[in-house]
Amino acid sequence: MTAWKMETAKARLSEVVRQAQLQGPQRITIRGEAAAVVLSQEDYAQLTRTSGANWVDQFRQSFTGDIDLSRDEDTGRDFSL
């Protein structure tokens, strides 16, 4: 991943975007520390793509065998204070 100083990225934004499309994500740094990443639209869409089902449905569908997920009615043990 190519790293760009903030000043350079601001001055050459069109090149940063073009490189994100051609080569992949482009890191932008501030004072040598990673601050942001520029992604192509395709990379962003891939990261944010969902299957349409929520995580509970995905979890339920991940089981391929017969697994009993029911809970016992046990409320604990009796004790005296």
N, C-alpha and C. Protein backbone atom coordinates (compact mmCIF):
# COMPACT_ATOMS: atom_id res chain seq x y z
N MET A 1 0.86 -1.17 0.00
CA MET A 1 0.00 0.00 0.00
C MET A 1 0.90 1.23 0.00
N THR A 2 0.62 2.12 -0.91
CA THR A 2 1.39 3.35 -1.02
C THR A 2 0.98 4.33 0.06
N ALA A 3 1.95 4.99 0.66
CA ALA A 3 1.68 6.00 1.69
C ALA A 3 1.92 7.39 1.11
N TRP A 4 1.00 8.29 1.38
CA TRP A 4 1.08 9.68 0.93
C TRP A 4 1.06 10.59 2.13
N LYS A 5 1.92 11.60 2.14
CA LYS A 5 1.83 12.64 3.16
C LYS A 5 0.57 13.46 2.87
N MET A 6 -0.07 13.97 3.90
CA MET A 6 -1.31 14.72 3.75
C MET A 6 -1.16 15.86 2.75
N GLU A 7 -0.07 16.60 2.86
CA GLU A 7 0.13 17.74 1.97
C GLU A 7 0.20 17.29 0.51
N THR A 8 0.91 16.20 0.27
CA THR A 8 1.04 15.68 -1.09
C THR A 8 -0.29 15.15 -1.59
N ALA A 9 -1.02 14.44 -0.73
CA ALA A 9 -2.32 13.88 -1.13
C ALA A 9 -3.30 14.99 -1.49
N LYS A 10 -3.27 16.09 -0.72
CA LYS A 10 -4.17 17.21 -1.02
C LYS A 10 -3.82 17.83 -2.37
N ALA A 11 -2.55 17.99 -2.63
CA ALA A 11 -2.11 18.63 -3.87
C ALA A 11 -2.31 17.73 -5.08
N ARG A 12 -2.30 16.42 -4.88
CA ARG A 12 -2.38 15.48 -5.99
C ARG A 12 -3.54 14.50 -5.82
N LEU A 13 -4.67 15.01 -5.35
CA LEU A 13 -5.82 14.15 -5.04
C LEU A 13 -6.26 13.29 -6.22
N SER A 14 -6.30 13.85 -7.41
CA SER A 14 -6.74 13.06 -8.57
C SER A 14 -5.81 11.87 -8.80
N GLU A 15 -4.52 12.05 -8.55
CA GLU A 15 -3.57 10.94 -8.71
C GLU A 15 -3.77 9.90 -7.61
N VAL A 16 -4.04 10.35 -6.39
CA VAL A 16 -4.28 9.41 -5.29
C VAL A 16 -5.50 8.55 -5.62
N VAL A 17 -6.57 9.17 -6.12
CA VAL A 17 -7.78 8.43 -6.47
C VAL A 17 -7.50 7.47 -7.62
N ARG A 18 -6.79 7.92 -8.63
CA ARG A 18 -6.46 7.06 -9.76
C ARG A 18 -5.64 5.86 -9.31
N GLN A 19 -4.67 6.08 -8.43
CA GLN A 19 -3.86 4.97 -7.93
C GLN A 19 -4.71 4.00 -7.09
N ALA A 20 -5.68 4.51 -6.36
CA ALA A 20 -6.58 3.64 -5.60
C ALA A 20 -7.36 2.74 -6.55
N GLN A 21 -7.74 3.27 -7.70
CA GLN A 21 -8.48 2.47 -8.68
C GLN A 21 -7.59 1.45 -9.37
N LEU A 22 -6.34 1.82 -9.63
CA LEU A 22 -5.44 0.94 -10.38
C LEU A 22 -4.66 -0.03 -9.51
N GLN A 23 -4.15 0.45 -8.37
CA GLN A 23 -3.23 -0.36 -7.56
C GLN A 23 -3.82 -0.86 -6.26
N GLY A 24 -4.90 -0.23 -5.80
CA GLY A 24 -5.49 -0.63 -4.52
C GLY A 24 -5.45 0.51 -3.52
N PRO A 25 -5.80 0.22 -2.28
CA PRO A 25 -5.89 1.25 -1.24
C PRO A 25 -4.63 2.10 -1.12
N GLN A 26 -4.84 3.40 -0.84
CA GLN A 26 -3.76 4.36 -0.69
C GLN A 26 -3.84 4.96 0.72
N ARG A 27 -2.76 4.84 1.48
CA ARG A 27 -2.72 5.34 2.86
C ARG A 27 -2.28 6.79 2.88
N ILE A 28 -2.96 7.59 3.69
CA ILE A 28 -2.59 8.99 3.89
C ILE A 28 -2.08 9.14 5.32
N THR A 29 -0.93 9.80 5.46
CA THR A 29 -0.33 9.95 6.79
C THR A 29 -0.28 11.41 7.19
N ILE A 30 -0.33 11.62 8.50
CA ILE A 30 -0.14 12.94 9.09
C ILE A 30 0.99 12.80 10.11
N ARG A 31 2.04 13.56 9.90
CA ARG A 31 3.23 13.49 10.75
C ARG A 31 3.74 12.05 10.91
N GLY A 32 3.71 11.31 9.81
CA GLY A 32 4.23 9.95 9.79
C GLY A 32 3.30 8.88 10.34
N GLU A 33 2.15 9.27 10.85
CA GLU A 33 1.18 8.32 11.41
C GLU A 33 0.03 8.11 10.42
N ALA A 34 -0.39 6.86 10.24
CA ALA A 34 -1.50 6.57 9.35
C ALA A 34 -2.74 7.30 9.83
N ALA A 35 -3.42 7.99 8.91
CA ALA A 35 -4.60 8.78 9.27
C ALA A 35 -5.84 8.37 8.50
N ALA A 36 -5.67 7.95 7.26
CA ALA A 36 -6.83 7.61 6.44
C ALA A 36 -6.39 6.70 5.30
N VAL A 37 -7.39 6.09 4.67
CA VAL A 37 -7.13 5.24 3.51
C VAL A 37 -8.13 5.62 2.42
N VAL A 38 -7.64 5.78 1.20
CA VAL A 38 -8.50 6.06 0.06
C VAL A 38 -8.70 4.74 -0.68
N LEU A 39 -9.99 4.38 -0.87
CA LEU A 39 -10.34 3.14 -1.55
C LEU A 39 -11.04 3.44 -2.87
N SER A 40 -10.94 2.52 -3.80
CA SER A 40 -11.74 2.62 -5.02
C SER A 40 -13.19 2.29 -4.65
N GLN A 41 -14.12 2.69 -5.48
CA GLN A 41 -15.53 2.38 -5.24
C GLN A 41 -15.75 0.88 -5.19
N GLU A 42 -15.05 0.14 -6.03
CA GLU A 42 -15.17 -1.33 -6.06
C GLU A 42 -14.72 -1.94 -4.73
N ASP A 43 -13.58 -1.50 -4.21
CA ASP A 43 -13.08 -2.01 -2.93
C ASP A 43 -14.04 -1.67 -1.80
N TYR A 44 -14.57 -0.46 -1.80
CA TYR A 44 -15.52 -0.04 -0.76
C TYR A 44 -16.79 -0.88 -0.82
N ALA A 45 -17.31 -1.10 -2.02
CA ALA A 45 -18.53 -1.89 -2.18
C ALA A 45 -18.31 -3.32 -1.68
N GLN A 46 -17.14 -3.87 -1.94
CA GLN A 46 -16.84 -5.22 -1.48
C GLN A 46 -16.78 -5.28 0.05
N LEU A 47 -16.24 -4.26 0.68
CA LEU A 47 -16.16 -4.23 2.14
C LEU A 47 -17.52 -4.06 2.80
N THR A 48 -18.41 -3.33 2.16
CA THR A 48 -19.70 -3.03 2.78
C THR A 48 -20.83 -3.92 2.30
N ARG A 49 -20.54 -4.86 1.43
CA ARG A 49 -21.56 -5.75 0.90
C ARG A 49 -22.10 -6.64 2.02
N THR A 50 -23.42 -6.77 2.08
CA THR A 50 -24.05 -7.67 3.04
C THR A 50 -24.92 -8.65 2.28
N SER A 51 -25.19 -9.76 2.92
CA SER A 51 -26.00 -10.78 2.27
C SER A 51 -27.49 -10.48 2.38
N GLY A 52 -27.86 -9.45 3.11
CA GLY A 52 -29.26 -9.10 3.27
C GLY A 52 -29.85 -9.65 4.56
N ALA A 53 -29.26 -10.71 5.08
CA ALA A 53 -29.76 -11.30 6.33
C ALA A 53 -29.01 -10.67 7.50
N ASN A 54 -29.68 -10.55 8.63
CA ASN A 54 -28.99 -10.02 9.80
C ASN A 54 -28.10 -11.09 10.41
N TRP A 55 -27.31 -10.74 11.38
CA TRP A 55 -26.32 -11.68 11.92
C TRP A 55 -26.98 -12.87 12.61
N VAL A 56 -28.16 -12.71 13.17
CA VAL A 56 -28.85 -13.84 13.82
C VAL A 56 -29.23 -14.87 12.78
N ASP A 57 -29.79 -14.43 11.68
CA ASP A 57 -30.16 -15.35 10.61
C ASP A 57 -28.94 -16.04 10.03
N GLN A 58 -27.85 -15.28 9.86
CA GLN A 58 -26.62 -15.89 9.34
C GLN A 58 -26.10 -16.94 10.30
N PHE A 59 -26.17 -16.68 11.59
CA PHE A 59 -25.72 -17.64 12.60
C PHE A 59 -26.56 -18.91 12.54
N ARG A 60 -27.87 -18.74 12.46
CA ARG A 60 -28.77 -19.90 12.40
C ARG A 60 -28.51 -20.73 11.16
N GLN A 61 -28.25 -20.07 10.04
CA GLN A 61 -28.03 -20.79 8.79
C GLN A 61 -26.66 -21.46 8.72
N SER A 62 -25.75 -21.08 9.60
CA SER A 62 -24.41 -21.65 9.56
C SER A 62 -24.38 -23.08 10.11
N PHE A 63 -25.40 -23.49 10.83
CA PHE A 63 -25.47 -24.86 11.35
C PHE A 63 -25.97 -25.79 10.26
N THR A 64 -25.23 -26.86 10.03
CA THR A 64 -25.63 -27.80 9.00
C THR A 64 -26.23 -29.07 9.58
N GLY A 65 -26.00 -29.35 10.84
CA GLY A 65 -26.52 -30.56 11.46
C GLY A 65 -27.71 -30.27 12.35
N ASP A 66 -28.20 -31.31 13.01
CA ASP A 66 -29.31 -31.16 13.94
C ASP A 66 -28.75 -30.82 15.31
N ILE A 67 -28.84 -29.57 15.66
CA ILE A 67 -28.33 -29.10 16.95
C ILE A 67 -29.50 -28.53 17.73
N ASP A 68 -29.65 -29.01 18.97
CA ASP A 68 -30.73 -28.53 19.83
C ASP A 68 -30.26 -27.28 20.55
N LEU A 69 -30.86 -26.13 20.22
CA LEU A 69 -30.47 -24.87 20.83
C LEU A 69 -31.44 -24.44 21.93
N SER A 70 -32.34 -25.35 22.34
CA SER A 70 -33.29 -25.00 23.39
C SER A 70 -32.59 -25.00 24.74
N ARG A 71 -33.18 -24.25 25.71
CA ARG A 71 -32.60 -24.15 27.05
C ARG A 71 -33.42 -24.96 28.04
N ASP A 72 -32.77 -25.45 29.08
CA ASP A 72 -33.46 -26.15 30.15
C ASP A 72 -34.27 -25.15 30.96
N GLU A 73 -35.32 -25.63 31.58
CA GLU A 73 -36.16 -24.79 32.42
C GLU A 73 -35.59 -24.68 33.84
N ASP A 74 -34.46 -25.27 34.11
CA ASP A 74 -33.83 -25.26 35.45
C ASP A 74 -33.57 -23.81 35.88
N THR A 75 -34.02 -23.47 37.06
CA THR A 75 -33.83 -22.11 37.57
C THR A 75 -32.73 -22.03 38.60
N GLY A 76 -31.99 -23.08 38.79
CA GLY A 76 -30.90 -23.07 39.76
C GLY A 76 -31.19 -24.01 40.91
N ARG A 77 -30.46 -23.87 41.99
CA ARG A 77 -30.65 -24.74 43.15
C ARG A 77 -31.22 -23.95 44.32
N ASP A 78 -31.87 -24.67 45.22
CA ASP A 78 -32.44 -24.05 46.43
C ASP A 78 -31.34 -23.97 47.49
N PHE A 79 -31.31 -22.87 48.23
CA PHE A 79 -30.36 -22.72 49.33
C PHE A 79 -30.98 -21.77 50.37
N SER A 80 -30.47 -21.85 51.55
CA SER A 80 -30.98 -20.98 52.61
C SER A 80 -29.87 -20.06 53.09
N LEU A 81 -30.24 -18.90 53.55
CA LEU A 81 -29.26 -17.94 54.03
C LEU A 81 -29.19 -17.93 55.54
